[in-house]
Amino acid sequence: MTEPPAESFRLSQLIYDTRYRSLTIQVVAFILIMAGLVWLANNTVQNLQALGKDFNFGFLGSRAGYDINQRLVEYTNDSTHARAALVGILNTLLVAFVGCIIATVVGVIAGVLRLSNNWIVARLMAVYVEGFRNIPTLLWILIVFAIMTEATPQPRDFRGEDAEASMILFDTVAITNRGVYTPAPVWGDGALTLVAVFLASLVGIWAFRRYARKRQEQTGDILPVFWISLGLFFIPSIIFYFILGRPVTLEYPELTGFNFSGGTHLRSSFIALTLALALYTGAFIAENVRSGILAVSRGQTEAAFALGLRPNRTMNLVILPQALRVIIPPLISQYLNLTKNSSLAIAVGYMDVRSTLGGITINQTGRELEGMLLLGLFYLVTSLIISAVMNVYNASIKLKER
């Protein structure tokens, strides 16, 4: 027997042959999309030329000429627009990072407490969740900002023996209508060594917790993870702090003139924006946590109780590991929403990237197209990074079937 001759390729197979049809459709769709983008870009350039404008990003190197009240890096009004955009980006990332941490802690606690057998606790958490979820974010930002500016004392109220207000935490923290003043670290000789010891302690905590989890899976023995981790977190740093001769000191805020000086100044706009976004997003996370816990079969809890596990260990070892596969995917969306909602910072005067690059810079330079493209690119890249990191974490905690 001889093999039949191989069939030659025909162009009609690109349409009628199922082996090539999907590829043909994708190629045609890609070509049409790229042609549409080229036409859109060409049309934009022609319209700009008709208005006497060109398309370039040279404005980023020109002098900004405006001040930014809160910044994490050095900046003056003589800095460039690129520097101003960097300050705004860092301010946005700061709000997103701190807000996501607070929202996660609040959301997990509220979600677990909503399932409490205590009627009062469950109802209070229900009021919090429903109250924050059904009122727009902007209103909560304005409400918290109003509380920070109207319900707190002025700096002059801290002056004199008959002062109407006083500092807290052993006179180290001052809460005023201009913000919160806290002690600031002053780095001296040996500070880098102390920081290295602290980072090594964090690595040690991670390695120990990983070892404890593997040992528990293999033998069933439960090590005192919390107390050992707490000791690794504090003890090495404290020991080296005194060995190195106290390389880090604190600068405390003091009332001088009409305001406090020294220390770290957390402005009311930053606190109001971060706290409002965290509480608002935490209400949604609480519902995600509650739904994830309810998705776990009731029999899992009953089986854990039958084995003699206490309720807290049942939650940590049995319920939450199975609930995370339901909690993590919507949690990613909440982190993205919090990051994008930080663009509402302009309502309370917080200088984020929307206020710097997407606001003042565009108004001064007239480069609205370039500015908005850069602003959209920043939010796009940030969202993709957050999504990628959370997807990696989601894959790592996914249940592994035998």
Protein backbone atom coordinates (compact mmCIF):
# COMPACT_ATOMS: atom_id res chain seq x y z
CA MET A 1 0.00 0.00 0.00
CA THR A 2 1.17 3.46 -0.81
CA GLU A 3 0.32 6.71 1.03
CA PRO A 4 -2.14 9.00 -0.74
CA PRO A 5 -0.62 12.17 -2.18
CA ALA A 6 -0.54 15.14 0.18
CA GLU A 7 -3.21 17.72 -0.52
CA SER A 8 -1.82 21.05 -1.69
CA PHE A 9 -2.75 24.24 0.13
CA ARG A 10 -5.45 26.41 -1.43
CA LEU A 11 -6.42 29.98 -0.53
CA SER A 12 -10.04 28.91 -0.09
CA GLN A 13 -8.93 26.88 2.94
CA LEU A 14 -8.38 30.16 4.85
CA ILE A 15 -12.16 30.60 4.88
CA TYR A 16 -13.70 27.15 4.56
CA ASP A 17 -11.18 25.01 6.45
CA THR A 18 -11.74 25.04 10.23
CA ARG A 19 -8.01 24.56 10.78
CA TYR A 20 -7.26 28.02 9.38
CA ARG A 21 -10.52 29.95 9.73
CA SER A 22 -10.00 31.21 13.30
CA LEU A 23 -6.46 32.35 12.46
CA THR A 24 -7.74 34.17 9.38
CA ILE A 25 -10.38 36.00 11.40
CA GLN A 26 -7.83 37.07 14.01
CA VAL A 27 -5.38 38.37 11.41
CA VAL A 28 -8.10 40.34 9.61
CA ALA A 29 -9.38 41.80 12.90
CA PHE A 30 -5.85 42.80 13.91
CA ILE A 31 -5.24 44.52 10.58
CA LEU A 32 -8.53 46.43 10.83
CA ILE A 33 -7.81 47.55 14.40
CA MET A 34 -4.29 48.72 13.52
CA ALA A 35 -5.62 50.54 10.44
CA GLY A 36 -8.21 52.27 12.64
CA LEU A 37 -5.54 53.34 15.14
CA VAL A 38 -3.30 54.67 12.36
CA TRP A 39 -6.21 56.62 10.89
CA LEU A 40 -7.09 58.02 14.32
CA ALA A 41 -3.49 59.08 15.00
CA ASN A 42 -3.12 60.65 11.53
CA ASN A 43 -6.42 62.51 11.94
CA THR A 44 -5.32 63.80 15.35
CA VAL A 45 -2.00 65.08 13.99
CA GLN A 46 -3.74 66.84 11.08
CA ASN A 47 -6.23 68.52 13.41
CA LEU A 48 -3.40 69.66 15.68
CA GLN A 49 -1.56 71.11 12.70
CA ALA A 50 -4.70 72.95 11.67
CA LEU A 51 -4.76 74.55 15.12
CA GLY A 52 -1.08 75.43 14.93
CA LYS A 53 0.00 72.76 17.39
CA ASP A 54 2.35 69.82 17.22
CA PHE A 55 2.57 66.57 19.15
CA ASN A 56 5.61 66.32 21.44
CA PHE A 57 6.50 65.87 25.08
CA GLY A 58 9.10 68.62 25.30
CA PHE A 59 6.95 70.46 27.84
CA LEU A 60 8.05 67.96 30.49
CA GLY A 61 11.47 69.61 30.58
CA SER A 62 10.19 73.17 31.10
CA ARG A 63 9.86 74.93 34.45
CA ALA A 64 6.75 74.00 36.40
CA GLY A 65 6.34 77.25 38.33
CA TYR A 66 3.90 75.99 40.97
CA ASP A 67 4.20 74.57 44.48
CA ILE A 68 3.10 71.17 45.77
CA ASN A 69 2.12 71.09 49.43
CA GLN A 70 2.86 67.41 50.11
CA ARG A 71 5.78 65.60 48.52
CA LEU A 72 7.95 62.55 49.11
CA VAL A 73 10.94 63.80 47.09
CA GLU A 74 12.64 67.18 46.79
CA TYR A 75 10.67 69.65 44.70
CA THR A 76 10.49 73.42 44.23
CA ASN A 77 8.56 75.63 41.84
CA ASP A 78 11.76 75.86 39.75
CA SER A 79 11.62 72.11 39.07
CA THR A 80 10.42 70.73 35.76
CA HIS A 81 6.97 69.49 34.88
CA ALA A 82 8.42 65.98 34.77
CA ARG A 83 9.51 66.38 38.39
CA ALA A 84 6.06 67.68 39.32
CA ALA A 85 4.49 64.66 37.61
CA LEU A 86 6.82 62.36 39.57
CA VAL A 87 5.76 63.98 42.85
CA GLY A 88 2.11 63.51 41.90
CA ILE A 89 2.70 59.88 40.94
CA LEU A 90 4.38 59.15 44.28
CA ASN A 91 1.54 60.86 46.15
CA THR A 92 -1.00 58.73 44.27
CA LEU A 93 0.92 55.52 44.95
CA LEU A 94 1.20 56.46 48.63
CA VAL A 95 -2.57 56.84 48.94
CA ALA A 96 -3.17 53.61 47.00
CA PHE A 97 -0.68 51.59 49.08
CA VAL A 98 -1.81 52.80 52.51
CA GLY A 99 -5.46 52.72 51.49
CA CYS A 100 -5.29 49.11 50.26
CA ILE A 101 -3.68 47.96 53.52
CA ILE A 102 -6.28 49.70 55.71
CA ALA A 103 -9.14 48.56 53.48
CA THR A 104 -7.96 44.94 53.63
CA VAL A 105 -7.69 44.93 57.42
CA VAL A 106 -11.04 46.67 57.90
CA GLY A 107 -12.76 44.55 55.24
CA VAL A 108 -11.56 41.21 56.61
CA ILE A 109 -12.54 42.11 60.18
CA ALA A 110 -15.95 43.48 59.15
CA GLY A 111 -16.63 40.52 56.87
CA VAL A 112 -15.90 37.99 59.61
CA LEU A 113 -17.84 39.93 62.25
CA ARG A 114 -20.90 40.14 59.99
CA LEU A 115 -21.19 36.37 60.49
CA SER A 116 -20.84 36.65 64.27
CA ASN A 117 -23.43 34.97 66.48
CA ASN A 118 -23.55 38.20 68.51
CA TRP A 119 -26.61 40.03 67.16
CA ILE A 120 -25.33 43.52 68.09
CA VAL A 121 -21.91 43.02 66.48
CA ALA A 122 -23.42 41.57 63.30
CA ARG A 123 -25.94 44.43 63.00
CA LEU A 124 -23.27 47.09 63.58
CA MET A 125 -21.14 45.63 60.81
CA ALA A 126 -24.19 45.49 58.56
CA VAL A 127 -24.82 49.20 59.20
CA TYR A 128 -21.20 50.00 58.35
CA VAL A 129 -21.23 47.96 55.15
CA GLU A 130 -24.58 49.19 53.85
CA GLY A 131 -23.89 52.78 54.89
CA PHE A 132 -20.57 53.07 53.06
CA ARG A 133 -21.55 51.04 50.00
CA ASN A 134 -24.65 53.11 49.23
CA ILE A 135 -23.16 56.61 49.56
CA PRO A 136 -20.85 57.94 46.80
CA THR A 137 -17.11 57.98 47.48
CA LEU A 138 -16.81 61.72 46.96
CA LEU A 139 -19.30 62.45 49.73
CA TRP A 140 -17.34 60.32 52.20
CA ILE A 141 -14.13 62.09 51.25
CA LEU A 142 -15.76 65.47 51.89
CA ILE A 143 -17.33 64.27 55.15
CA VAL A 144 -14.03 62.97 56.55
CA PHE A 145 -12.23 66.11 55.39
CA ALA A 146 -14.85 68.29 57.09
CA ILE A 147 -14.39 66.34 60.32
CA MET A 148 -10.61 66.72 60.09
CA THR A 149 -10.79 70.49 59.55
CA GLU A 150 -13.81 71.49 61.65
CA ALA A 151 -13.86 69.08 64.60
CA THR A 152 -10.16 69.27 65.48
CA PRO A 153 -8.42 72.11 67.36
CA GLN A 154 -6.30 74.83 65.80
CA PRO A 155 -2.56 74.99 66.57
CA ARG A 156 -3.07 78.07 68.75
CA ASP A 157 -5.33 76.02 71.04
CA PHE A 158 -2.24 74.11 72.20
CA ARG A 159 -0.51 77.26 73.52
CA GLY A 160 -0.29 78.32 77.17
CA GLU A 161 -0.98 76.75 80.51
CA ASP A 162 -4.74 77.00 79.99
CA ALA A 163 -4.58 75.40 76.56
CA GLU A 164 -7.85 74.07 75.22
CA ALA A 165 -6.10 71.13 73.51
CA SER A 166 -3.14 68.92 74.29
CA MET A 167 -0.89 66.51 72.48
CA ILE A 168 -1.37 62.75 72.86
CA LEU A 169 0.91 59.72 73.32
CA PHE A 170 3.17 61.38 75.90
CA ASP A 171 3.06 64.74 74.08
CA THR A 172 4.51 63.34 70.87
CA VAL A 173 1.53 63.57 68.48
CA ALA A 174 -0.58 66.64 67.75
CA ILE A 175 -3.92 66.40 65.94
CA THR A 176 -4.94 69.76 64.48
CA ASN A 177 -7.19 71.13 61.73
CA ARG A 178 -4.08 71.43 59.56
CA GLY A 179 -3.18 67.79 59.88
CA VAL A 180 -1.46 65.38 62.23
CA TYR A 181 2.09 66.02 63.46
CA THR A 182 4.05 62.91 64.46
CA PRO A 183 7.69 62.24 65.40
CA ALA A 184 10.10 61.89 62.49
CA PRO A 185 13.15 59.60 62.47
CA VAL A 186 16.60 61.19 62.32
CA TRP A 187 19.13 58.84 60.72
CA GLY A 188 22.67 58.76 62.09
CA ASP A 189 25.79 56.62 61.73
CA GLY A 190 24.93 52.93 61.64
CA ALA A 191 21.34 53.51 60.56
CA LEU A 192 21.82 51.49 57.37
CA THR A 193 23.08 48.54 59.42
CA LEU A 194 20.01 48.75 61.63
CA VAL A 195 17.74 48.82 58.58
CA ALA A 196 19.56 45.78 57.17
CA VAL A 197 18.99 43.93 60.46
CA PHE A 198 15.30 44.80 60.36
CA LEU A 199 14.98 43.57 56.77
CA ALA A 200 16.80 40.37 57.72
CA SER A 201 14.27 39.92 60.54
CA LEU A 202 11.43 40.18 58.04
CA VAL A 203 13.09 37.54 55.86
CA GLY A 204 13.53 35.35 58.94
CA ILE A 205 9.84 35.71 59.82
CA TRP A 206 8.85 34.70 56.29
CA ALA A 207 11.20 31.68 56.33
CA PHE A 208 10.04 30.54 59.77
CA ARG A 209 6.34 30.82 58.90
CA ARG A 210 6.96 28.84 55.72
CA TYR A 211 8.81 26.15 57.69
CA ALA A 212 6.04 26.04 60.33
CA ARG A 213 3.37 25.62 57.66
CA LYS A 214 5.23 22.77 55.96
CA ARG A 215 5.88 21.05 59.30
CA GLN A 216 2.22 21.33 60.22
CA GLU A 217 1.18 19.81 56.89
CA GLN A 218 3.60 16.92 57.31
CA THR A 219 3.34 16.15 61.05
CA GLY A 220 0.34 18.06 62.36
CA ASP A 221 2.48 19.87 64.97
CA ILE A 222 1.56 23.53 65.41
CA LEU A 223 4.38 25.86 66.37
CA PRO A 224 3.80 29.19 68.22
CA VAL A 225 4.12 31.18 64.99
CA PHE A 226 2.69 34.45 66.33
CA TRP A 227 4.97 34.81 69.35
CA ILE A 228 8.12 33.72 67.54
CA SER A 229 7.35 36.07 64.65
CA LEU A 230 6.73 38.89 67.13
CA GLY A 231 10.07 38.19 68.79
CA LEU A 232 11.92 38.13 65.46
CA PHE A 233 10.26 41.42 64.52
CA PHE A 234 11.38 43.34 67.63
CA ILE A 235 14.24 41.64 69.49
CA PRO A 236 17.07 41.71 66.85
CA SER A 237 16.37 45.35 65.96
CA ILE A 238 16.26 46.40 69.63
CA ILE A 239 19.52 44.59 70.42
CA PHE A 240 21.39 46.12 67.48
CA TYR A 241 19.83 49.51 68.23
CA PHE A 242 21.75 49.65 71.51
CA ILE A 243 24.86 47.87 70.18
CA LEU A 244 25.23 50.48 67.41
CA GLY A 245 24.83 53.34 69.86
CA ARG A 246 21.27 54.42 69.05
CA PRO A 247 21.79 55.36 65.39
CA VAL A 248 18.16 56.45 64.94
CA THR A 249 16.59 59.19 67.04
CA LEU A 250 13.26 60.96 66.86
CA GLU A 251 12.49 64.59 66.12
CA TYR A 252 9.34 65.63 67.94
CA PRO A 253 6.90 68.29 66.74
CA GLU A 254 6.93 71.54 68.71
CA LEU A 255 4.61 74.52 68.67
CA THR A 256 6.58 77.51 67.38
CA GLY A 257 4.73 80.66 66.45
CA PHE A 258 1.43 79.99 64.75
CA ASN A 259 2.05 76.36 63.83
CA PHE A 260 3.92 73.20 64.72
CA SER A 261 7.42 72.62 63.39
CA GLY A 262 9.57 69.52 63.27
CA GLY A 263 8.44 65.93 62.99
CA THR A 264 6.34 64.56 60.16
CA HIS A 265 3.32 66.50 58.95
CA LEU A 266 0.43 64.38 57.64
CA ARG A 267 -1.93 66.84 55.99
CA SER A 268 -5.67 66.69 56.53
CA SER A 269 -6.22 66.19 52.79
CA PHE A 270 -4.06 63.06 52.75
CA ILE A 271 -5.68 61.59 55.87
CA ALA A 272 -9.22 62.36 54.68
CA LEU A 273 -8.63 60.92 51.21
CA THR A 274 -6.87 57.76 52.42
CA LEU A 275 -9.27 57.06 55.27
CA ALA A 276 -12.41 57.67 53.19
CA LEU A 277 -11.22 55.48 50.31
CA ALA A 278 -10.12 52.75 52.73
CA LEU A 279 -13.41 52.68 54.62
CA TYR A 280 -15.45 52.83 51.42
CA THR A 281 -13.49 50.03 49.75
CA GLY A 282 -13.37 48.05 53.00
CA ALA A 283 -17.17 47.80 52.93
CA PHE A 284 -17.01 46.05 49.56
CA ILE A 285 -14.15 43.82 50.70
CA ALA A 286 -16.23 42.85 53.75
CA GLU A 287 -18.94 41.53 51.46
CA ASN A 288 -16.34 39.64 49.42
CA VAL A 289 -15.00 38.04 52.60
CA ARG A 290 -18.49 37.18 53.84
CA SER A 291 -19.45 35.58 50.53
CA GLY A 292 -16.19 33.64 50.44
CA ILE A 293 -16.75 32.24 53.92
CA LEU A 294 -20.36 31.33 53.14
CA ALA A 295 -19.16 29.55 49.98
CA VAL A 296 -17.35 27.00 52.16
CA SER A 297 -19.54 24.05 53.07
CA ARG A 298 -20.95 24.05 56.59
CA GLY A 299 -19.70 20.51 56.94
CA GLN A 300 -16.10 21.76 56.92
CA THR A 301 -16.73 23.76 60.10
CA GLU A 302 -18.57 20.90 61.76
CA ALA A 303 -15.78 18.47 60.87
CA ALA A 304 -13.16 20.84 62.32
CA PHE A 305 -15.15 21.19 65.55
CA ALA A 306 -15.51 17.42 65.72
CA LEU A 307 -11.72 17.12 65.59
CA GLY A 308 -11.45 19.47 68.57
CA LEU A 309 -10.25 22.60 66.76
CA ARG A 310 -11.08 25.89 68.41
CA PRO A 311 -13.13 28.46 66.41
CA ASN A 312 -10.14 30.73 65.68
CA ARG A 313 -8.04 27.84 64.39
CA THR A 314 -10.97 26.55 62.39
CA MET A 315 -11.25 29.92 60.70
CA ASN A 316 -7.49 30.23 60.05
CA LEU A 317 -6.75 26.63 59.05
CA VAL A 318 -9.95 25.37 57.46
CA ILE A 319 -12.34 28.11 56.38
CA LEU A 320 -10.17 30.99 55.12
CA PRO A 321 -7.78 28.85 53.01
CA GLN A 322 -10.79 27.52 51.09
CA ALA A 323 -12.56 30.89 51.00
CA LEU A 324 -9.57 32.73 49.51
CA ARG A 325 -10.21 31.27 46.06
CA VAL A 326 -13.56 33.10 46.13
CA ILE A 327 -12.26 36.25 47.86
CA ILE A 328 -9.13 37.07 45.85
CA PRO A 329 -10.58 37.65 42.33
CA PRO A 330 -13.07 40.36 43.41
CA LEU A 331 -10.48 41.71 45.84
CA ILE A 332 -8.26 42.57 42.86
CA SER A 333 -11.07 44.69 41.42
CA GLN A 334 -11.46 46.55 44.72
CA TYR A 335 -7.74 47.39 44.82
CA LEU A 336 -7.98 48.72 41.27
CA ASN A 337 -11.06 50.77 42.14
CA LEU A 338 -9.35 52.32 45.16
CA THR A 339 -6.32 53.27 43.08
CA LYS A 340 -8.44 54.89 40.37
CA ASN A 341 -10.76 56.58 42.87
CA SER A 342 -7.73 58.37 44.30
CA SER A 343 -8.14 60.77 41.35
CA LEU A 344 -10.90 62.40 43.47
CA ALA A 345 -8.09 63.91 45.56
CA ILE A 346 -8.57 67.26 43.84
CA ALA A 347 -11.81 67.69 45.84
CA VAL A 348 -9.82 68.15 49.09
CA GLY A 349 -6.71 69.77 47.62
CA TYR A 350 -4.42 66.74 47.73
CA MET A 351 -1.83 67.02 44.97
CA ASP A 352 -1.88 63.65 43.26
CA VAL A 353 -0.95 62.92 39.65
CA ARG A 354 -4.42 64.01 38.51
CA SER A 355 -3.85 67.44 40.07
CA THR A 356 -0.26 67.90 38.85
CA LEU A 357 0.15 66.26 35.45
CA GLY A 358 -3.55 66.09 34.61
CA GLY A 359 -4.42 69.52 36.01
CA ILE A 360 -1.97 72.35 36.54
CA THR A 361 0.59 71.15 33.98
CA ILE A 362 -2.02 70.85 31.24
CA ASN A 363 -3.47 74.28 32.06
CA GLN A 364 -0.05 75.94 31.95
CA THR A 365 1.34 74.26 28.85
CA GLY A 366 -1.79 73.68 26.78
CA ARG A 367 -0.64 70.10 26.11
CA GLU A 368 -3.94 68.48 27.00
CA LEU A 369 -3.60 65.54 24.62
CA GLU A 370 -0.07 64.61 25.69
CA GLY A 371 -0.91 65.13 29.38
CA MET A 372 -4.03 62.96 29.25
CA LEU A 373 -2.20 60.25 27.34
CA LEU A 374 0.53 60.15 29.99
CA LEU A 375 -2.07 60.19 32.76
CA GLY A 376 -4.01 57.33 31.18
CA LEU A 377 -0.78 55.38 30.63
CA PHE A 378 0.14 55.76 34.31
CA TYR A 379 -3.21 54.42 35.52
CA LEU A 380 -3.08 51.62 32.95
CA VAL A 381 0.41 50.47 33.97
CA THR A 382 -0.40 50.75 37.68
CA SER A 383 -3.59 48.72 37.28
CA LEU A 384 -1.81 46.03 35.26
CA ILE A 385 0.95 45.74 37.88
CA ILE A 386 -1.55 45.42 40.73
CA SER A 387 -3.54 42.85 38.78
CA ALA A 388 -0.42 40.85 37.89
CA VAL A 389 0.85 40.77 41.48
CA MET A 390 -2.52 39.72 42.85
CA ASN A 391 -2.93 37.06 40.16
CA VAL A 392 0.44 35.60 41.13
CA TYR A 393 -0.68 35.53 44.76
CA ASN A 394 -4.00 33.99 43.74
CA ALA A 395 -2.18 31.21 41.91
CA SER A 396 0.05 30.56 44.94
CA ILE A 397 -2.85 30.08 47.38
CA LYS A 398 -5.05 28.14 45.00
CA LEU A 399 -6.09 24.76 46.30
CA LYS A 400 -3.90 21.99 44.92
CA GLU A 401 -5.87 18.87 44.13
CA ARG A 402 -4.16 15.55 44.68
